[in-house]
Amino acid sequence: LETLPKEALNRILIRDKERLEKLEKRKSDLFIELTKTLEAKT
């Protein structure tokens, strides 16, 4: 990262924000799946 120009860093930042949204969605889906699994176990 330290060797990259500012323009490249900005592109990475935008992509990382999109990736973070995907990870948040995955986390939410896993939480729902875990909740259902625990309900079934109970």
All heavy atoms as atom14 arrays in JSON, in Angstrom:
{
  "sequence": "LETLPKEALNRILIRDKERLEKLEKRKSDLFIELTKTLEAKT",
  "atom14_mask": [
    [1, 1, 1, 1, 1, 1, 1, 1, 0, 0, 0, 0, 0, 0],
    [1, 1, 1, 1, 1, 1, 1, 1, 1, 0, 0, 0, 0, 0],
    [1, 1, 1, 1, 1, 1, 1, 0, 0, 0, 0, 0, 0, 0],
    [1, 1, 1, 1, 1, 1, 1, 1, 0, 0, 0, 0, 0, 0],
    [1, 1, 1, 1, 1, 1, 1, 0, 0, 0, 0, 0, 0, 0],
    [1, 1, 1, 1, 1, 1, 1, 1, 1, 0, 0, 0, 0, 0],
    [1, 1, 1, 1, 1, 1, 1, 1, 1, 0, 0, 0, 0, 0],
    [1, 1, 1, 1, 1, 0, 0, 0, 0, 0, 0, 0, 0, 0],
    [1, 1, 1, 1, 1, 1, 1, 1, 0, 0, 0, 0, 0, 0],
    [1, 1, 1, 1, 1, 1, 1, 1, 0, 0, 0, 0, 0, 0],
    [1, 1, 1, 1, 1, 1, 1, 1, 1, 1, 1, 0, 0, 0],
    [1, 1, 1, 1, 1, 1, 1, 1, 0, 0, 0, 0, 0, 0],
    [1, 1, 1, 1, 1, 1, 1, 1, 0, 0, 0, 0, 0, 0],
    [1, 1, 1, 1, 1, 1, 1, 1, 0, 0, 0, 0, 0, 0],
    [1, 1, 1, 1, 1, 1, 1, 1, 1, 1, 1, 0, 0, 0],
    [1, 1, 1, 1, 1, 1, 1, 1, 0, 0, 0, 0, 0, 0],
    [1, 1, 1, 1, 1, 1, 1, 1, 1, 0, 0, 0, 0, 0],
    [1, 1, 1, 1, 1, 1, 1, 1, 1, 0, 0, 0, 0, 0],
    [1, 1, 1, 1, 1, 1, 1, 1, 1, 1, 1, 0, 0, 0],
    [1, 1, 1, 1, 1, 1, 1, 1, 0, 0, 0, 0, 0, 0],
    [1, 1, 1, 1, 1, 1, 1, 1, 1, 0, 0, 0, 0, 0],
    [1, 1, 1, 1, 1, 1, 1, 1, 1, 0, 0, 0, 0, 0],
    [1, 1, 1, 1, 1, 1, 1, 1, 0, 0, 0, 0, 0, 0],
    [1, 1, 1, 1, 1, 1, 1, 1, 1, 0, 0, 0, 0, 0],
    [1, 1, 1, 1, 1, 1, 1, 1, 1, 0, 0, 0, 0, 0],
    [1, 1, 1, 1, 1, 1, 1, 1, 1, 1, 1, 0, 0, 0],
    [1, 1, 1, 1, 1, 1, 1, 1, 1, 0, 0, 0, 0, 0],
    [1, 1, 1, 1, 1, 1, 0, 0, 0, 0, 0, 0, 0, 0],
    [1, 1, 1, 1, 1, 1, 1, 1, 0, 0, 0, 0, 0, 0],
    [1, 1, 1, 1, 1, 1, 1, 1, 0, 0, 0, 0, 0, 0],
    [1, 1, 1, 1, 1, 1, 1, 1, 1, 1, 1, 0, 0, 0],
    [1, 1, 1, 1, 1, 1, 1, 1, 0, 0, 0, 0, 0, 0],
    [1, 1, 1, 1, 1, 1, 1, 1, 1, 0, 0, 0, 0, 0],
    [1, 1, 1, 1, 1, 1, 1, 1, 0, 0, 0, 0, 0, 0],
    [1, 1, 1, 1, 1, 1, 1, 0, 0, 0, 0, 0, 0, 0],
    [1, 1, 1, 1, 1, 1, 1, 1, 1, 0, 0, 0, 0, 0],
    [1, 1, 1, 1, 1, 1, 1, 0, 0, 0, 0, 0, 0, 0],
    [1, 1, 1, 1, 1, 1, 1, 1, 0, 0, 0, 0, 0, 0],
    [1, 1, 1, 1, 1, 1, 1, 1, 1, 0, 0, 0, 0, 0],
    [1, 1, 1, 1, 1, 0, 0, 0, 0, 0, 0, 0, 0, 0],
    [1, 1, 1, 1, 1, 1, 1, 1, 1, 0, 0, 0, 0, 0],
    [1, 1, 1, 1, 1, 1, 1, 0, 0, 0, 0, 0, 0, 0]
  ],
  "atom14_positions": [
    [[0.81, -1.23, 0.0], [0.0, 0.0, 0.0], [0.84, 1.27, 0.0], [0.49, 2.25, -0.66], [-0.97, 0.01, 1.19], [-2.13, -0.97, 1.11], [-2.99, -0.88, 2.37], [-2.98, -0.76, -0.13], [0.0, 0.0, 0.0], [0.0, 0.0, 0.0], [0.0, 0.0, 0.0], [0.0, 0.0, 0.0], [0.0, 0.0, 0.0], [0.0, 0.0, 0.0]],
    [[1.94, 1.27, 0.72], [2.77, 2.47, 0.82], [3.39, 2.88, -0.52], [3.72, 4.04, -0.72], [3.88, 2.26, 1.84], [3.36, 2.09, 3.26], [4.47, 1.79, 4.25], [5.67, 1.79, 3.86], [4.14, 1.56, 5.42], [0.0, 0.0, 0.0], [0.0, 0.0, 0.0], [0.0, 0.0, 0.0], [0.0, 0.0, 0.0], [0.0, 0.0, 0.0]],
    [[3.49, 1.93, -1.43], [4.12, 2.22, -2.72], [3.11, 2.64, -3.78], [3.51, 3.02, -4.88], [4.88, 0.98, -3.23], [3.94, -0.06, -3.51], [5.9, 0.5, -2.21], [0.0, 0.0, 0.0], [0.0, 0.0, 0.0], [0.0, 0.0, 0.0], [0.0, 0.0, 0.0], [0.0, 0.0, 0.0], [0.0, 0.0, 0.0], [0.0, 0.0, 0.0]],
    [[1.84, 2.61, -3.47], [0.81, 2.87, -4.47], [0.45, 4.35, -4.55], [0.45, 5.05, -3.53], [-0.45, 2.07, -4.16], [-0.31, 0.56, -4.16], [-1.6, -0.1, -3.74], [0.14, 0.06, -5.52], [0.0, 0.0, 0.0], [0.0, 0.0, 0.0], [0.0, 0.0, 0.0], [0.0, 0.0, 0.0], [0.0, 0.0, 0.0], [0.0, 0.0, 0.0]],
    [[0.1, 4.8, -5.75], [-0.35, 6.19, -5.88], [-1.72, 6.39, -5.24], [-2.48, 5.43, -5.04], [-0.4, 6.41, -7.4], [-0.5, 5.05, -7.99], [0.16, 4.11, -7.02], [0.0, 0.0, 0.0], [0.0, 0.0, 0.0], [0.0, 0.0, 0.0], [0.0, 0.0, 0.0], [0.0, 0.0, 0.0], [0.0, 0.0, 0.0], [0.0, 0.0, 0.0]],
    [[-2.03, 7.62, -4.97], [-3.29, 7.96, -4.28], [-4.5, 7.45, -5.06], [-5.47, 6.97, -4.47], [-3.37, 9.47, -4.09], [-4.52, 9.91, -3.24], [-4.47, 11.39, -2.97], [-5.62, 11.76, -2.04], [-5.54, 13.18, -1.66], [0.0, 0.0, 0.0], [0.0, 0.0, 0.0], [0.0, 0.0, 0.0], [0.0, 0.0, 0.0], [0.0, 0.0, 0.0]],
    [[-4.47, 7.55, -6.36], [-5.59, 7.08, -7.2], [-5.86, 5.59, -6.99], [-7.01, 5.15, -6.86], [-5.28, 7.37, -8.67], [-6.38, 6.94, -9.62], [-6.0, 7.21, -11.06], [-5.81, 8.4, -11.4], [-5.9, 6.24, -11.83], [0.0, 0.0, 0.0], [0.0, 0.0, 0.0], [0.0, 0.0, 0.0], [0.0, 0.0, 0.0], [0.0, 0.0, 0.0]],
    [[-4.8, 4.81, -6.94], [-4.94, 3.36, -6.72], [-5.49, 3.1, -5.32], [-6.34, 2.22, -5.14], [-3.61, 2.66, -6.92], [0.0, 0.0, 0.0], [0.0, 0.0, 0.0], [0.0, 0.0, 0.0], [0.0, 0.0, 0.0], [0.0, 0.0, 0.0], [0.0, 0.0, 0.0], [0.0, 0.0, 0.0], [0.0, 0.0, 0.0], [0.0, 0.0, 0.0]],
    [[-5.03, 3.85, -4.35], [-5.52, 3.68, -2.98], [-7.01, 4.01, -2.88], [-7.75, 3.32, -2.17], [-4.72, 4.57, -2.02], [-3.26, 4.18, -1.83], [-2.54, 5.24, -1.01], [-3.12, 2.82, -1.21], [0.0, 0.0, 0.0], [0.0, 0.0, 0.0], [0.0, 0.0, 0.0], [0.0, 0.0, 0.0], [0.0, 0.0, 0.0], [0.0, 0.0, 0.0]],
    [[-7.43, 5.02, -3.6], [-8.86, 5.37, -3.61], [-9.7, 4.26, -4.23], [-10.78, 3.94, -3.73], [-9.09, 6.69, -4.35], [-8.65, 7.88, -3.53], [-8.64, 7.84, -2.31], [-8.28, 8.95, -4.21], [0.0, 0.0, 0.0], [0.0, 0.0, 0.0], [0.0, 0.0, 0.0], [0.0, 0.0, 0.0], [0.0, 0.0, 0.0], [0.0, 0.0, 0.0]],
    [[-9.22, 3.65, -5.31], [-9.94, 2.54, -5.94], [-10.04, 1.36, -4.97], [-11.08, 0.72, -4.85], [-9.25, 2.1, -7.23], [-9.53, 2.98, -8.42], [-9.12, 2.31, -9.73], [-7.79, 1.75, -9.71], [-6.67, 2.39, -10.1], [-6.74, 3.63, -10.53], [-5.51, 1.79, -10.06], [0.0, 0.0, 0.0], [0.0, 0.0, 0.0], [0.0, 0.0, 0.0]],
    [[-8.95, 1.08, -4.27], [-8.94, -0.01, -3.3], [-9.92, 0.28, -2.17], [-10.67, -0.61, -1.74], [-7.51, -0.24, -2.75], [-6.64, -0.85, -3.85], [-7.52, -1.12, -1.52], [-5.17, -0.93, -3.51], [0.0, 0.0, 0.0], [0.0, 0.0, 0.0], [0.0, 0.0, 0.0], [0.0, 0.0, 0.0], [0.0, 0.0, 0.0], [0.0, 0.0, 0.0]],
    [[-9.95, 1.52, -1.72], [-10.88, 1.89, -0.65], [-12.32, 1.67, -1.07], [-13.12, 1.1, -0.31], [-10.67, 3.36, -0.26], [-11.57, 3.89, 0.83], [-11.34, 3.14, 2.14], [-11.34, 5.38, 1.03], [0.0, 0.0, 0.0], [0.0, 0.0, 0.0], [0.0, 0.0, 0.0], [0.0, 0.0, 0.0], [0.0, 0.0, 0.0], [0.0, 0.0, 0.0]],
    [[-12.66, 2.04, -2.28], [-14.03, 1.84, -2.79], [-14.34, 0.35, -2.87], [-15.41, -0.1, -2.43], [-14.2, 2.52, -4.17], [-14.16, 4.03, -4.0], [-15.49, 2.06, -4.85], [-14.04, 4.8, -5.3], [0.0, 0.0, 0.0], [0.0, 0.0, 0.0], [0.0, 0.0, 0.0], [0.0, 0.0, 0.0], [0.0, 0.0, 0.0], [0.0, 0.0, 0.0]],
    [[-13.41, -0.44, -3.38], [-13.63, -1.89, -3.48], [-13.73, -2.53, -2.1], [-14.53, -3.44, -1.89], [-12.5, -2.53, -4.29], [-12.6, -2.17, -5.77], [-11.46, -2.72, -6.55], [-11.67, -4.14, -6.8], [-10.83, -4.9, -7.48], [-9.72, -4.38, -7.97], [-11.08, -6.16, -7.67], [0.0, 0.0, 0.0], [0.0, 0.0, 0.0], [0.0, 0.0, 0.0]],
    [[-12.93, -2.05, -1.17], [-12.98, -2.6, 0.19], [-14.33, -2.31, 0.85], [-14.83, -3.13, 1.61], [-11.84, -2.06, 1.04], [-10.53, -2.8, 0.81], [-10.53, -3.8, 0.05], [-9.51, -2.38, 1.38], [0.0, 0.0, 0.0], [0.0, 0.0, 0.0], [0.0, 0.0, 0.0], [0.0, 0.0, 0.0], [0.0, 0.0, 0.0], [0.0, 0.0, 0.0]],
    [[-14.89, -1.16, 0.59], [-16.22, -0.85, 1.13], [-17.26, -1.81, 0.58], [-18.13, -2.28, 1.31], [-16.61, 0.59, 0.83], [-15.83, 1.6, 1.67], [-16.23, 3.02, 1.34], [-15.42, 4.0, 2.18], [-15.78, 5.39, 1.87], [0.0, 0.0, 0.0], [0.0, 0.0, 0.0], [0.0, 0.0, 0.0], [0.0, 0.0, 0.0], [0.0, 0.0, 0.0]],
    [[-17.16, -2.13, -0.71], [-18.07, -3.11, -1.32], [-17.85, -4.5, -0.72], [-18.8, -5.23, -0.45], [-17.85, -3.15, -2.84], [-18.26, -1.87, -3.53], [-17.79, -1.81, -4.98], [-17.09, -2.74, -5.44], [-18.12, -0.81, -5.65], [0.0, 0.0, 0.0], [0.0, 0.0, 0.0], [0.0, 0.0, 0.0], [0.0, 0.0, 0.0], [0.0, 0.0, 0.0]],
    [[-16.6, -4.84, -0.51], [-16.28, -6.15, 0.1], [-16.82, -6.23, 1.52], [-17.33, -7.28, 1.94], [-14.77, -6.37, 0.11], [-14.18, -6.56, -1.28], [-12.67, -6.57, -1.22], [-12.1, -6.78, -2.54], [-11.07, -6.09, -3.02], [-10.48, -5.17, -2.28], [-10.62, -6.34, -4.22], [0.0, 0.0, 0.0], [0.0, 0.0, 0.0], [0.0, 0.0, 0.0]],
    [[-16.7, -5.14, 2.24], [-17.21, -5.11, 3.61], [-18.72, -5.34, 3.64], [-19.23, -6.06, 4.49], [-16.85, -3.78, 4.28], [-17.19, -3.65, 5.75], [-16.51, -4.74, 6.57], [-16.8, -2.29, 6.26], [0.0, 0.0, 0.0], [0.0, 0.0, 0.0], [0.0, 0.0, 0.0], [0.0, 0.0, 0.0], [0.0, 0.0, 0.0], [0.0, 0.0, 0.0]],
    [[-19.43, -4.76, 2.67], [-20.88, -4.99, 2.58], [-21.18, -6.47, 2.35], [-22.11, -7.02, 2.94], [-21.47, -4.15, 1.45], [-21.54, -2.67, 1.76], [-22.08, -1.85, 0.6], [-22.69, -2.42, -0.34], [-21.89, -0.62, 0.62], [0.0, 0.0, 0.0], [0.0, 0.0, 0.0], [0.0, 0.0, 0.0], [0.0, 0.0, 0.0], [0.0, 0.0, 0.0]],
    [[-20.39, -7.11, 1.49], [-20.57, -8.54, 1.24], [-20.32, -9.35, 2.5], [-21.05, -10.3, 2.79], [-19.64, -9.02, 0.11], [-20.04, -8.54, -1.25], [-19.08, -9.06, -2.31], [-19.44, -8.54, -3.68], [-18.52, -9.03, -4.71], [0.0, 0.0, 0.0], [0.0, 0.0, 0.0], [0.0, 0.0, 0.0], [0.0, 0.0, 0.0], [0.0, 0.0, 0.0]],
    [[-19.28, -8.98, 3.24], [-18.97, -9.7, 4.48], [-20.07, -9.49, 5.52], [-20.43, -10.42, 6.24], [-17.63, -9.24, 5.04], [-16.39, -9.81, 4.35], [-15.13, -9.12, 4.87], [-16.3, -11.3, 4.54], [0.0, 0.0, 0.0], [0.0, 0.0, 0.0], [0.0, 0.0, 0.0], [0.0, 0.0, 0.0], [0.0, 0.0, 0.0], [0.0, 0.0, 0.0]],
    [[-20.6, -8.29, 5.6], [-21.7, -8.02, 6.53], [-22.93, -8.84, 6.16], [-23.61, -9.37, 7.04], [-22.03, -6.53, 6.56], [-21.0, -5.68, 7.26], [-20.9, -5.95, 8.74], [-21.88, -6.36, 9.37], [-19.8, -5.75, 9.29], [0.0, 0.0, 0.0], [0.0, 0.0, 0.0], [0.0, 0.0, 0.0], [0.0, 0.0, 0.0], [0.0, 0.0, 0.0]],
    [[-23.22, -8.95, 4.88], [-24.35, -9.76, 4.42], [-24.13, -11.22, 4.78], [-25.03, -11.9, 5.27], [-24.52, -9.6, 2.91], [-25.49, -10.56, 2.25], [-26.91, -10.11, 2.39], [-27.85, -10.9, 1.52], [-28.43, -12.06, 2.16], [0.0, 0.0, 0.0], [0.0, 0.0, 0.0], [0.0, 0.0, 0.0], [0.0, 0.0, 0.0], [0.0, 0.0, 0.0]],
    [[-22.91, -11.71, 4.53], [-22.58, -13.1, 4.87], [-22.71, -13.34, 6.37], [-23.24, -14.36, 6.81], [-21.16, -13.42, 4.38], [-20.7, -14.81, 4.72], [-21.42, -15.87, 3.92], [-20.89, -17.17, 4.26], [-21.61, -18.24, 4.47], [-22.92, -18.19, 4.33], [-21.06, -19.38, 4.78], [0.0, 0.0, 0.0], [0.0, 0.0, 0.0], [0.0, 0.0, 0.0]],
    [[-22.24, -12.39, 7.17], [-22.34, -12.51, 8.62], [-23.8, -12.57, 9.04], [-24.17, -13.4, 9.87], [-21.64, -11.32, 9.28], [-21.63, -11.39, 10.8], [-20.89, -10.21, 11.39], [-21.89, -9.16, 11.75], [-21.32, -8.02, 12.49], [0.0, 0.0, 0.0], [0.0, 0.0, 0.0], [0.0, 0.0, 0.0], [0.0, 0.0, 0.0], [0.0, 0.0, 0.0]],
    [[-24.62, -11.75, 8.45], [-26.04, -11.74, 8.77], [-26.69, -13.07, 8.39], [-27.47, -13.63, 9.17], [-26.73, -10.59, 8.03], [-28.11, -10.61, 8.26], [0.0, 0.0, 0.0], [0.0, 0.0, 0.0], [0.0, 0.0, 0.0], [0.0, 0.0, 0.0], [0.0, 0.0, 0.0], [0.0, 0.0, 0.0], [0.0, 0.0, 0.0], [0.0, 0.0, 0.0]],
    [[-26.35, -13.58, 7.21], [-26.89, -14.87, 6.78], [-26.46, -15.99, 7.72], [-27.26, -16.87, 8.06], [-26.44, -15.19, 5.35], [-27.07, -14.29, 4.31], [-28.05, -13.57, 4.63], [-26.58, -14.28, 3.16], [0.0, 0.0, 0.0], [0.0, 0.0, 0.0], [0.0, 0.0, 0.0], [0.0, 0.0, 0.0], [0.0, 0.0, 0.0], [0.0, 0.0, 0.0]],
    [[-25.2, -15.97, 8.13], [-24.7, -16.99, 9.06], [-25.39, -16.88, 10.41], [-25.69, -17.9, 11.04], [-23.19, -16.87, 9.23], [-22.34, -17.35, 8.06], [-20.88, -16.98, 8.28], [-22.49, -18.85, 7.84], [0.0, 0.0, 0.0], [0.0, 0.0, 0.0], [0.0, 0.0, 0.0], [0.0, 0.0, 0.0], [0.0, 0.0, 0.0], [0.0, 0.0, 0.0]],
    [[-25.65, -15.67, 10.86], [-26.33, -15.48, 12.13], [-27.74, -16.06, 12.08], [-28.18, -16.75, 13.0], [-26.39, -13.99, 12.51], [-27.07, -13.75, 13.82], [-26.41, -14.02, 15.01], [-28.36, -13.27, 13.86], [-27.05, -13.8, 16.22], [-29.0, -13.06, 15.07], [-28.35, -13.32, 16.26], [0.0, 0.0, 0.0], [0.0, 0.0, 0.0], [0.0, 0.0, 0.0]],
    [[-28.44, -15.81, 10.97], [-29.79, -16.35, 10.8], [-29.74, -17.88, 10.78], [-30.54, -18.55, 11.44], [-30.45, -15.79, 9.53], [-30.75, -14.3, 9.72], [-31.71, -16.56, 9.17], [-31.14, -13.58, 8.45], [0.0, 0.0, 0.0], [0.0, 0.0, 0.0], [0.0, 0.0, 0.0], [0.0, 0.0, 0.0], [0.0, 0.0, 0.0], [0.0, 0.0, 0.0]],
    [[-28.78, -18.44, 10.05], [-28.63, -19.89, 9.98], [-28.32, -20.47, 11.36], [-28.89, -21.48, 11.77], [-27.52, -20.25, 9.0], [-27.33, -21.73, 8.8], [-26.26, -22.05, 7.78], [-25.91, -21.19, 6.95], [-25.74, -23.18, 7.83], [0.0, 0.0, 0.0], [0.0, 0.0, 0.0], [0.0, 0.0, 0.0], [0.0, 0.0, 0.0], [0.0, 0.0, 0.0]],
    [[-27.43, -19.82, 12.1], [-27.08, -20.28, 13.44], [-28.3, -20.23, 14.36], [-28.54, -21.16, 15.12], [-25.95, -19.43, 14.01], [-25.54, -19.73, 15.45], [-25.02, -21.15, 15.58], [-24.5, -18.73, 15.92], [0.0, 0.0, 0.0], [0.0, 0.0, 0.0], [0.0, 0.0, 0.0], [0.0, 0.0, 0.0], [0.0, 0.0, 0.0], [0.0, 0.0, 0.0]],
    [[-29.07, -19.17, 14.27], [-30.26, -19.03, 15.09], [-31.25, -20.16, 14.82], [-31.78, -20.77, 15.75], [-30.94, -17.66, 14.85], [-30.0, -16.63, 15.16], [-32.18, -17.49, 15.68], [0.0, 0.0, 0.0], [0.0, 0.0, 0.0], [0.0, 0.0, 0.0], [0.0, 0.0, 0.0], [0.0, 0.0, 0.0], [0.0, 0.0, 0.0], [0.0, 0.0, 0.0]],
    [[-31.46, -20.46, 13.55], [-32.37, -21.55, 13.19], [-31.84, -22.9, 13.69], [-32.61, -23.74, 14.16], [-32.6, -21.59, 11.69], [-33.43, -20.42, 11.18], [-33.6, -20.48, 9.69], [-34.41, -19.29, 9.2], [-34.55, -19.29, 7.74], [0.0, 0.0, 0.0], [0.0, 0.0, 0.0], [0.0, 0.0, 0.0], [0.0, 0.0, 0.0], [0.0, 0.0, 0.0]],
    [[-30.54, -23.09, 13.58], [-29.93, -24.33, 14.05], [-30.1, -24.49, 15.56], [-30.46, -25.58, 16.04], [-28.43, -24.37, 13.68], [-28.3, -24.24, 12.26], [-27.77, -25.65, 14.15], [0.0, 0.0, 0.0], [0.0, 0.0, 0.0], [0.0, 0.0, 0.0], [0.0, 0.0, 0.0], [0.0, 0.0, 0.0], [0.0, 0.0, 0.0], [0.0, 0.0, 0.0]],
    [[-29.88, -23.42, 16.28], [-30.04, -23.47, 17.74], [-31.49, -23.7, 18.13], [-31.78, -24.43, 19.09], [-29.5, -22.19, 18.38], [-27.98, -22.03, 18.32], [-27.58, -20.66, 18.86], [-27.28, -23.13, 19.08], [0.0, 0.0, 0.0], [0.0, 0.0, 0.0], [0.0, 0.0, 0.0], [0.0, 0.0, 0.0], [0.0, 0.0, 0.0], [0.0, 0.0, 0.0]],
    [[-32.42, -23.11, 17.39], [-33.85, -23.35, 17.66], [-34.2, -24.8, 17.43], [-34.95, -25.41, 18.21], [-34.7, -22.44, 16.79], [-34.69, -20.99, 17.21], [-35.42, -20.07, 16.24], [-35.93, -20.55, 15.19], [-35.49, -18.87, 16.52], [0.0, 0.0, 0.0], [0.0, 0.0, 0.0], [0.0, 0.0, 0.0], [0.0, 0.0, 0.0], [0.0, 0.0, 0.0]],
    [[-33.68, -25.38, 16.34], [-33.93, -26.8, 16.05], [-33.33, -27.69, 17.15], [-33.97, -28.65, 17.6], [-33.36, -27.17, 14.69], [0.0, 0.0, 0.0], [0.0, 0.0, 0.0], [0.0, 0.0, 0.0], [0.0, 0.0, 0.0], [0.0, 0.0, 0.0], [0.0, 0.0, 0.0], [0.0, 0.0, 0.0], [0.0, 0.0, 0.0], [0.0, 0.0, 0.0]],
    [[-32.14, -27.36, 17.58], [-31.5, -28.13, 18.65], [-32.33, -28.07, 19.93], [-32.57, -29.09, 20.57], [-30.1, -27.58, 18.9], [-29.39, -28.27, 20.05], [-28.06, -27.61, 20.34], [-27.46, -28.22, 21.6], [-26.35, -27.46, 22.11], [0.0, 0.0, 0.0], [0.0, 0.0, 0.0], [0.0, 0.0, 0.0], [0.0, 0.0, 0.0], [0.0, 0.0, 0.0]],
    [[-32.77, -26.89, 20.28], [-33.59, -26.71, 21.48], [-34.88, -27.51, 21.38], [-35.3, -28.16, 22.34], [-33.9, -25.22, 21.7], [-32.66, -24.52, 21.84], [-34.74, -25.0, 22.94], [0.0, 0.0, 0.0], [0.0, 0.0, 0.0], [0.0, 0.0, 0.0], [0.0, 0.0, 0.0], [0.0, 0.0, 0.0], [0.0, 0.0, 0.0], [0.0, 0.0, 0.0]]
  ]
}
